[in-house]
Amino acid sequence: MNDETFNLSMRKFLKTVGVTSQQKIEDAVREAQEAGTLPAGGLPAKVTVEIPALGMTHVVNGEIKTEGEA
């Protein structure tokens, strides 16, 4: 395995995940806000990353706040 290739490829993948996820979340929040259905305070969120070839699943749970301090 080439460590440099691996690290660059992984960072590119994670950057794509982060950027595209942020865009989708922003769109969904904007739509909910316009529809008057955006819950007050925060939004529970969950991200799952899977690499089937490695039998790996990683879950991250968190909250995206829409009001108050970050």
Protein backbone atom coordinates (compact mmCIF):
# COMPACT_ATOMS: atom_id res chain seq x y z
CA MET A 1 0.00 0.00 0.00
CA ASN A 2 1.20 3.49 -0.83
CA ASP A 3 0.56 5.63 2.27
CA GLU A 4 0.60 8.93 0.38
CA THR A 5 -1.90 7.71 -2.22
CA PHE A 6 -4.10 6.23 0.51
CA ASN A 7 -4.07 9.40 2.64
CA LEU A 8 -4.76 11.73 -0.31
CA SER A 9 -7.57 9.52 -1.56
CA MET A 10 -9.16 9.24 1.89
CA ARG A 11 -8.98 13.01 2.45
CA LYS A 12 -10.54 13.65 -0.96
CA PHE A 13 -13.38 11.22 -0.16
CA LEU A 14 -14.01 12.75 3.28
CA LYS A 15 -13.94 16.29 1.84
CA THR A 16 -16.54 15.27 -0.75
CA VAL A 17 -18.68 13.70 1.98
CA GLY A 18 -18.43 16.84 4.12
CA VAL A 19 -19.15 19.34 1.35
CA THR A 20 -22.04 17.45 -0.22
CA SER A 21 -23.57 16.61 3.17
CA GLN A 22 -23.43 20.25 4.25
CA GLN A 23 -25.17 21.33 1.05
CA LYS A 24 -27.95 18.75 1.50
CA ILE A 25 -28.44 19.69 5.16
CA GLU A 26 -28.57 23.41 4.36
CA ASP A 27 -31.15 22.78 1.61
CA ALA A 28 -33.32 20.64 3.89
CA VAL A 29 -33.15 23.15 6.76
CA ARG A 30 -34.02 26.03 4.41
CA GLU A 31 -37.00 24.09 3.02
CA ALA A 32 -38.24 23.21 6.51
CA GLN A 33 -37.84 26.82 7.62
CA GLU A 34 -39.82 28.09 4.62
CA ALA A 35 -42.53 25.49 5.27
CA GLY A 36 -42.67 26.41 8.95
CA THR A 37 -41.75 22.88 10.00
CA LEU A 38 -38.22 23.46 11.31
CA PRO A 39 -38.04 22.19 14.91
CA ALA A 40 -36.83 24.73 17.46
CA GLY A 41 -33.39 24.32 19.01
CA GLY A 42 -31.59 21.47 17.36
CA LEU A 43 -31.73 18.58 14.98
CA PRO A 44 -30.49 15.13 15.99
CA ALA A 45 -28.22 13.85 13.23
CA LYS A 46 -26.55 10.56 12.38
CA VAL A 47 -23.86 9.72 9.83
CA THR A 48 -22.92 6.19 8.85
CA VAL A 49 -19.76 5.39 6.90
CA GLU A 50 -19.47 1.89 5.51
CA ILE A 51 -16.65 0.15 3.69
CA PRO A 52 -18.16 -3.23 2.81
CA ALA A 53 -14.88 -4.66 1.50
CA LEU A 54 -13.43 -4.22 4.99
CA GLY A 55 -16.56 -5.16 6.92
CA MET A 56 -16.37 -1.72 8.54
CA THR A 57 -19.25 0.43 9.73
CA HIS A 58 -18.72 3.64 11.68
CA VAL A 59 -21.64 5.64 13.12
CA VAL A 60 -21.42 9.20 14.40
CA ASN A 61 -24.37 10.71 16.29
CA GLY A 62 -24.69 14.38 17.06
CA GLU A 63 -26.89 17.43 16.99
CA ILE A 64 -27.05 20.35 14.60
CA LYS A 65 -28.20 23.44 16.46
CA THR A 66 -30.44 25.92 14.69
CA GLU A 67 -30.76 28.47 17.50
CA GLY A 68 -28.57 29.88 20.28
CA GLU A 69 -24.85 29.30 20.60
CA ALA A 70 -23.01 26.72 18.51
